[in-house]
Structure formats: structure tokens, C-alpha cells
């Protein structure tokens, strides 16, 4: 286990370094002139050259890259061209809002999709299974932004039950602004979890040890909790691990729809203004989150299936 953890930690560092390097190269190759962006369209050529020298834009690629890596060790990727503040500091200030929304969005997926998947596994090949499975296909195919706009119109605008957008802060005060975006993501994403769990648990229910437990007269709830669910959790957790990366990318659109002040909204602004430090900072932060969370998912495999611990 110790060797496995060391290897995984080394792989995490290598992955993050690769993402950082690729992001820097792409930022370097962008044809826009960052010095002109900072100076403004009406700045003189002398002023643009002065800013290029100040920020090091006139240095060769390898020097800029080494300087970038050294600054990154101090969590510094440069000043934002648009906000004129530390790009990493801005991203870290926006990060809690994105994590707040992301956690509740995934929890909504699980709260809706998990019980439905278990229920459908027991109702396999019935009319209930056919109807709900068809609905899940429609839910999985529905664009998140489109469903979000519908909820805004019906629930927020017409019924005036919840805020149209924005952010009211954390805790109970922020629940009203959280409900619509979390439901938007949760309802459309729950279909994936329900279908995966239904398929996996249907196979588990056919196993001999489950039939034996039923034959002994054990209650269905106890059989499901103790034998069925745990055996079917590995594919479910695998989907959860992939969903983490998708959630972070999907929240970019969701934050735009609901005017949520997270890093998704920030990266769109960075792209609009060709703000390379903001783009690099958001990419590094999200990549690090994805790598770390997927590492935690891998560890959960070993908790769910002790055989994997012996393999490593």
C-alpha cells in the first residue's frame, strides 16, 4: 500500500506538471498581444514595449517557462490583465462558490439517482422499468443549460418561488440561490447514476448468495443494504469519479446561466479578455482538484473491495 500511495502521488505530480506545461504553451502560442491588452488599444508602441519588458513578454520561451514554474511554486501565475490583481488569488477567492455549487449538484444527483437505480433493479423488465428508463434517456439527453433556462422561467420568473440567479452566500442564507442550479444539474445527471446502478444491481440480484438470503427469509431492506448495494458500488463510484471532472467543466455553463460567481464564470471572462493568467490559474486549480479527487476515488475502491488492497 505504501508503494502504491507513493506511485500514485508521483503520478499526480507528473499529471499536474503536464497540464501546467501544456496550458503555458497554449497561452504562449495565443496570437493576441498581452502587452497590448494590458496597455489598451490606444496606447503608443513605446508604452506597449515598456509593458512587454515589465511583464517579461519580450523574453525567449524557455526563460519565460522557467520563470513561470518558479513563480508557480509560490502560487503565482502573474497578474490578471483585466482585473490587475494576482490571477491565482482571484481564482482561489472564486473557488469556494464553485465547490459549494459542485458538491450540492453531485449530492442532488446521488439523492435522486441512487434510490431510483435500486428501485429499478427490483422492478426490472416491468412497465415501471420501461417508463422510467425512457424518462432517464430523455433526461440524460437534455442539455443542462436548456433545462436550467426552463426552471428559471417557470419556477423563478412565473411562480416567483426562488431567485432567478446570483449568489446569496453560504449556509442557510444561500440555499434559495442554490436550489435551482443544483436541481438543474442533479435532475439531468441523476439519469446516468440510476441507469448504471440499475444495470449493476440487476446482475447482483441474480447471484446465488442473494437468492439464498431471500430463501432464508431475510428482509429485503437488509439484503439490499448488506449484500446488494455494496457489491454494485464499484461501477457507481467509477461513474462518480468521471463525474467529478465533468461537473467542473459543466459548471462553466451552469454558472453562466445562473450568474454564479465561481471560477466557471471567471474563465469565460478570461477568455473574453484574452486574460492568459486567469485562464492558466483556473486550469491549474481545476486540474489539481480533478487529480486529487480521482485519487480519493481510487482509494475508495480499496475500501469497497478488500481484494484490491492485497493486489497492491
Protein backbone atom coordinates (compact mmCIF):
# COMPACT_ATOMS: atom_id res chain seq x y z
CA UNK A 1 0.00 0.00 0.00
CA UNK A 2 2.82 2.41 0.86
CA UNK A 3 4.47 1.84 -2.52
CA UNK A 4 1.12 2.25 -4.26
CA UNK A 5 0.45 5.55 -2.50
CA UNK A 6 3.92 6.85 -3.37
CA UNK A 7 3.49 5.86 -7.03
CA UNK A 8 0.05 7.48 -7.17
CA UNK A 9 1.39 10.67 -5.56
CA UNK A 10 4.23 10.79 -8.11
CA UNK A 11 1.74 10.26 -10.93
CA UNK A 12 -0.41 13.08 -9.57
CA UNK A 13 2.56 15.47 -9.57
CA UNK A 14 3.54 14.41 -13.10
CA UNK A 15 -0.05 14.85 -14.36
CA UNK A 16 -0.36 18.32 -12.86
CA UNK A 17 3.03 19.30 -14.31
CA UNK A 18 1.90 18.09 -17.74
CA UNK A 19 -1.31 20.12 -17.54
CA UNK A 20 0.63 23.17 -16.37
CA UNK A 21 3.14 22.85 -19.23
CA UNK A 22 0.51 22.35 -21.93
CA UNK A 23 -1.51 25.28 -20.59
CA UNK A 24 1.55 27.53 -20.60
CA UNK A 25 2.47 26.53 -24.16
CA UNK A 26 -1.06 27.24 -25.39
CA UNK A 27 -1.02 30.59 -23.62
CA UNK A 28 2.34 31.38 -25.21
CA UNK A 29 1.05 30.49 -28.70
CA UNK A 30 -2.09 32.63 -28.47
CA UNK A 31 -1.69 35.21 -31.26
CA UNK A 32 -3.06 38.08 -29.16
CA UNK A 33 -0.51 40.54 -27.80
CA UNK A 34 -0.87 40.53 -23.99
CA UNK A 35 1.09 43.76 -23.66
CA UNK A 36 -1.38 45.47 -25.99
CA UNK A 37 -4.28 44.00 -23.98
CA UNK A 38 -2.87 45.45 -20.76
CA UNK A 39 -1.93 48.81 -22.23
CA UNK A 40 -5.19 49.33 -24.11
CA UNK A 41 -6.00 49.80 -27.75
CA UNK A 42 -4.99 53.48 -27.74
CA UNK A 43 -1.58 53.01 -26.11
CA UNK A 44 1.54 54.03 -28.01
CA UNK A 45 4.04 51.49 -29.31
CA UNK A 46 6.56 52.70 -26.74
CA UNK A 47 4.08 52.08 -23.92
CA UNK A 48 3.33 48.59 -25.25
CA UNK A 49 7.05 47.80 -25.43
CA UNK A 50 7.52 49.09 -21.88
CA UNK A 51 4.76 46.81 -20.56
CA UNK A 52 6.12 43.86 -22.55
CA UNK A 53 9.50 44.35 -20.87
CA UNK A 54 7.91 44.83 -17.43
CA UNK A 55 5.97 41.55 -17.65
CA UNK A 56 8.75 39.67 -19.41
CA UNK A 57 6.82 39.16 -22.64
CA UNK A 58 9.93 40.03 -24.65
CA UNK A 59 11.95 37.15 -23.16
CA UNK A 60 12.52 33.86 -25.02
CA UNK A 61 10.19 30.95 -24.40
CA UNK A 62 12.46 28.86 -22.16
CA UNK A 63 13.18 31.78 -19.81
CA UNK A 64 9.50 32.62 -19.53
CA UNK A 65 8.71 28.96 -18.85
CA UNK A 66 11.35 28.62 -16.10
CA UNK A 67 10.24 31.90 -14.57
CA UNK A 68 6.65 30.67 -14.72
CA UNK A 69 7.48 27.38 -12.93
CA UNK A 70 9.42 29.21 -10.22
CA UNK A 71 6.54 31.61 -9.60
CA UNK A 72 4.06 28.72 -9.63
CA UNK A 73 5.87 27.17 -6.67
CA UNK A 74 4.82 30.33 -4.82
CA UNK A 75 1.23 30.10 -6.19
CA UNK A 76 1.89 33.00 -8.51
CA UNK A 77 0.99 32.79 -12.21
CA UNK A 78 1.10 36.53 -12.82
CA UNK A 79 -1.22 39.49 -12.67
CA UNK A 80 -4.58 39.38 -14.37
CA UNK A 81 -4.63 41.58 -17.46
CA UNK A 82 -8.26 42.51 -16.83
CA UNK A 83 -8.56 42.69 -13.02
CA UNK A 84 -4.99 43.92 -12.37
CA UNK A 85 -4.67 41.59 -9.37
CA UNK A 86 -2.99 38.26 -8.73
CA UNK A 87 -4.72 35.78 -11.04
CA UNK A 88 -4.28 32.86 -8.63
CA UNK A 89 -5.67 34.89 -5.74
CA UNK A 90 -8.76 35.79 -7.78
CA UNK A 91 -9.33 32.14 -8.71
CA UNK A 92 -8.89 30.94 -5.13
CA UNK A 93 -11.38 33.58 -3.98
CA UNK A 94 -13.93 32.30 -6.52
CA UNK A 95 -13.20 28.62 -5.84
CA UNK A 96 -15.41 28.19 -2.71
CA UNK A 97 -18.53 29.25 -4.64
CA UNK A 98 -17.81 26.66 -7.34
CA UNK A 99 -17.10 23.92 -4.79
CA UNK A 100 -20.28 24.84 -2.91
CA UNK A 101 -22.36 24.50 -6.04
CA UNK A 102 -20.49 21.41 -7.27
CA UNK A 103 -20.90 19.49 -4.02
CA UNK A 104 -24.63 20.16 -3.82
CA UNK A 105 -25.10 19.42 -7.53
CA UNK A 106 -23.45 15.99 -7.17
CA UNK A 107 -25.34 15.31 -3.94
CA UNK A 108 -28.58 16.08 -5.76
CA UNK A 109 -27.60 13.60 -8.47
CA UNK A 110 -26.93 10.93 -5.87
CA UNK A 111 -30.05 11.63 -3.80
CA UNK A 112 -32.24 11.29 -6.90
CA UNK A 113 -30.33 8.69 -8.89
CA UNK A 114 -29.28 6.24 -6.17
CA UNK A 115 -32.71 5.22 -4.79
CA UNK A 116 -34.20 5.20 -8.30
CA UNK A 117 -31.44 2.87 -9.51
CA UNK A 118 -32.06 0.46 -6.62
CA UNK A 119 -35.81 0.60 -7.18
CA UNK A 120 -35.49 -0.10 -10.91
CA UNK A 121 -33.19 -3.05 -10.24
CA UNK A 122 -36.04 -4.71 -8.35
CA UNK A 123 -38.57 -3.64 -11.00
CA UNK A 124 -36.53 -4.90 -13.94
CA UNK A 125 -38.49 -5.84 -17.07
CA UNK A 126 -41.74 -4.35 -15.76
CA UNK A 127 -43.73 -1.46 -17.20
CA UNK A 128 -42.35 0.78 -14.45
CA UNK A 129 -38.81 -0.06 -15.59
CA UNK A 130 -39.70 0.69 -19.21
CA UNK A 131 -41.33 4.05 -18.46
CA UNK A 132 -38.66 5.32 -16.06
CA UNK A 133 -35.82 4.08 -18.26
CA UNK A 134 -37.29 6.02 -21.19
CA UNK A 135 -37.51 9.11 -18.98
CA UNK A 136 -33.89 8.65 -17.94
CA UNK A 137 -32.78 8.51 -21.56
CA UNK A 138 -34.60 11.79 -22.16
CA UNK A 139 -33.08 13.32 -19.02
CA UNK A 140 -29.57 12.26 -19.96
CA UNK A 141 -30.03 13.71 -23.47
CA UNK A 142 -31.37 17.05 -22.25
CA UNK A 143 -28.88 19.94 -22.37
CA UNK A 144 -28.22 21.26 -18.89
CA UNK A 145 -28.36 24.92 -19.91
CA UNK A 146 -31.73 24.42 -21.65
CA UNK A 147 -33.26 22.75 -18.61
CA UNK A 148 -31.84 25.50 -16.42
CA UNK A 149 -33.47 28.20 -18.53
CA UNK A 150 -36.81 26.35 -18.29
CA UNK A 151 -36.54 26.17 -14.49
CA UNK A 152 -35.65 29.85 -14.31
CA UNK A 153 -38.67 30.77 -16.40
CA UNK A 154 -41.20 28.50 -14.66
CA UNK A 155 -40.01 28.44 -11.04
CA UNK A 156 -38.25 31.78 -10.64
CA UNK A 157 -39.95 34.09 -13.15
CA UNK A 158 -43.52 32.81 -13.37
CA UNK A 159 -44.00 31.30 -9.90
CA UNK A 160 -41.53 33.67 -8.19
CA UNK A 161 -40.53 30.93 -5.75
CA UNK A 162 -36.75 31.19 -5.99
CA UNK A 163 -34.14 33.75 -7.12
CA UNK A 164 -33.53 33.89 -10.86
CA UNK A 165 -29.77 33.87 -10.38
CA UNK A 166 -26.91 35.21 -8.36
CA UNK A 167 -25.49 34.07 -5.08
CA UNK A 168 -26.77 34.80 -1.55
CA UNK A 169 -23.77 33.46 0.34
CA UNK A 170 -23.04 30.23 2.18
CA UNK A 171 -25.14 28.38 4.72
CA UNK A 172 -28.92 28.62 5.13
CA UNK A 173 -28.94 32.12 3.65
CA UNK A 174 -27.57 30.75 0.39
CA UNK A 175 -29.96 27.83 -0.01
CA UNK A 176 -32.51 29.78 -2.02
CA UNK A 177 -29.96 30.71 -4.69
CA UNK A 178 -28.53 27.19 -4.66
CA UNK A 179 -31.73 25.20 -5.27
CA UNK A 180 -32.29 25.91 -8.97
CA UNK A 181 -28.72 25.33 -10.23
CA UNK A 182 -28.34 22.21 -8.05
CA UNK A 183 -31.67 20.82 -9.29
CA UNK A 184 -30.76 21.64 -12.89
CA UNK A 185 -27.55 19.67 -12.69
CA UNK A 186 -28.91 17.00 -10.37
CA UNK A 187 -32.01 16.05 -12.34
CA UNK A 188 -30.22 15.84 -15.68
CA UNK A 189 -27.27 13.95 -14.17
CA UNK A 190 -29.22 11.55 -11.95
CA UNK A 191 -30.27 9.57 -15.03
CA UNK A 192 -26.70 8.30 -15.53
CA UNK A 193 -26.41 7.05 -11.96
CA UNK A 194 -29.85 5.43 -11.99
CA UNK A 195 -29.13 3.54 -15.22
CA UNK A 196 -25.69 2.35 -14.09
CA UNK A 197 -26.93 1.22 -10.69
CA UNK A 198 -29.98 -0.46 -12.20
CA UNK A 199 -27.83 -2.45 -14.62
CA UNK A 200 -25.24 -3.41 -12.00
CA UNK A 201 -27.67 -4.36 -9.24
CA UNK A 202 -29.80 -6.38 -11.65
CA UNK A 203 -26.84 -8.70 -12.15
CA UNK A 204 -26.12 -8.82 -8.42
CA UNK A 205 -29.72 -9.80 -7.65
CA UNK A 206 -29.24 -12.90 -9.80
CA UNK A 207 -26.30 -14.15 -7.74
CA UNK A 208 -26.72 -17.32 -5.69
CA UNK A 209 -25.86 -15.72 -2.35
CA UNK A 210 -28.63 -13.14 -2.80
CA UNK A 211 -31.16 -15.84 -3.68
CA UNK A 212 -30.02 -17.81 -0.65
CA UNK A 213 -30.55 -14.76 1.58
CA UNK A 214 -34.10 -14.40 0.21
CA UNK A 215 -34.72 -18.11 0.75
CA UNK A 216 -33.68 -17.77 4.40
CA UNK A 217 -36.45 -15.22 4.86
CA UNK A 218 -34.25 -12.17 5.41
CA UNK A 219 -35.93 -8.82 4.91
CA UNK A 220 -35.43 -7.21 1.51
CA UNK A 221 -34.11 -3.99 3.05
CA UNK A 222 -31.42 -5.89 4.98
CA UNK A 223 -30.42 -7.92 1.92
CA UNK A 224 -30.23 -4.78 -0.20
CA UNK A 225 -28.20 -2.83 2.36
CA UNK A 226 -25.81 -5.59 3.38
CA UNK A 227 -25.29 -7.63 0.22
CA UNK A 228 -26.65 -5.98 -2.91
CA UNK A 229 -25.65 -2.33 -2.75
CA UNK A 230 -22.04 -2.80 -1.67
CA UNK A 231 -21.44 -5.38 -4.42
CA UNK A 232 -22.73 -2.96 -7.03
CA UNK A 233 -20.96 0.17 -5.83
CA UNK A 234 -17.69 -0.13 -7.78
CA UNK A 235 -19.17 0.86 -11.20
CA UNK A 236 -21.18 3.52 -9.39
CA UNK A 237 -18.06 5.00 -7.79
CA UNK A 238 -16.28 4.81 -11.16
CA UNK A 239 -19.03 6.96 -12.68
CA UNK A 240 -18.75 9.32 -9.72
CA UNK A 241 -15.02 9.72 -10.36
CA UNK A 242 -15.63 10.60 -14.01
CA UNK A 243 -18.48 12.87 -13.00
CA UNK A 244 -16.15 14.95 -10.86
CA UNK A 245 -14.22 16.11 -13.92
CA UNK A 246 -17.42 16.57 -15.92
CA UNK A 247 -19.01 18.55 -13.09
CA UNK A 248 -16.17 21.06 -13.01
CA UNK A 249 -16.42 21.58 -16.77
CA UNK A 250 -20.22 21.52 -16.82
CA UNK A 251 -20.42 24.15 -14.10
CA UNK A 252 -18.89 26.67 -16.51
CA UNK A 253 -22.15 26.69 -18.47
CA UNK A 254 -24.31 26.41 -15.36
CA UNK A 255 -22.59 29.37 -13.71
CA UNK A 256 -23.22 31.43 -16.82
CA UNK A 257 -26.92 30.54 -16.86
CA UNK A 258 -27.44 31.33 -13.17
CA UNK A 259 -24.90 34.17 -12.90
CA UNK A 260 -22.99 32.21 -10.26
CA UNK A 261 -19.72 33.92 -9.17
CA UNK A 262 -17.48 30.86 -9.43
CA UNK A 263 -14.41 30.01 -11.44
CA UNK A 264 -16.55 28.86 -14.38
CA UNK A 265 -17.90 32.36 -14.80
CA UNK A 266 -14.40 33.70 -14.26
CA UNK A 267 -12.79 31.61 -17.01
CA UNK A 268 -15.38 32.83 -19.53
CA UNK A 269 -14.45 36.40 -18.65
CA UNK A 270 -10.79 35.46 -19.00
CA UNK A 271 -11.39 34.09 -22.49
CA UNK A 272 -13.38 37.19 -23.50
CA UNK A 273 -10.50 39.47 -22.47
CA UNK A 274 -7.71 37.06 -23.53
CA UNK A 275 -6.64 37.13 -19.89
CA UNK A 276 -3.99 34.38 -20.07
CA UNK A 277 -3.05 34.39 -16.35
CA UNK A 278 -6.70 33.87 -15.38
CA UNK A 279 -7.05 31.02 -17.91
CA UNK A 280 -3.84 29.39 -16.66
CA UNK A 281 -4.80 29.78 -12.99
CA UNK A 282 -8.28 28.28 -13.47
CA UNK A 283 -6.85 25.39 -15.50
CA UNK A 284 -4.23 24.60 -12.84
CA UNK A 285 -6.73 24.76 -9.98
CA UNK A 286 -9.37 22.62 -11.69
CA UNK A 287 -6.80 20.09 -12.92
CA UNK A 288 -5.40 19.76 -9.40
CA UNK A 289 -8.89 19.25 -8.00
CA UNK A 290 -9.70 16.58 -10.57
CA UNK A 291 -6.43 14.70 -9.96
CA UNK A 292 -6.78 14.77 -6.17
CA UNK A 293 -10.45 13.78 -6.18
CA UNK A 294 -9.81 10.91 -8.58
CA UNK A 295 -7.04 9.75 -6.26
CA UNK A 296 -9.57 9.69 -3.42
CA UNK A 297 -11.94 7.70 -5.63
CA UNK A 298 -9.17 5.15 -6.25
CA UNK A 299 -8.69 4.82 -2.50
CA UNK A 300 -12.40 4.25 -2.07
CA UNK A 301 -12.11 1.24 -4.41
CA UNK A 302 -9.84 -0.42 -1.88
CA UNK A 303 -12.27 0.27 0.92
CA UNK A 304 -15.16 -1.18 -1.07
CA UNK A 305 -13.25 -4.20 -2.35
CA UNK A 306 -10.58 -5.55 0.08
CA UNK A 307 -9.16 -7.76 -2.69
CA UNK A 308 -7.69 -4.68 -4.33
CA UNK A 309 -5.66 -3.93 -1.20
CA UNK A 310 -3.96 -7.31 -1.47
CA UNK A 311 -3.23 -6.74 -5.17
CA UNK A 312 -1.27 -3.63 -4.30
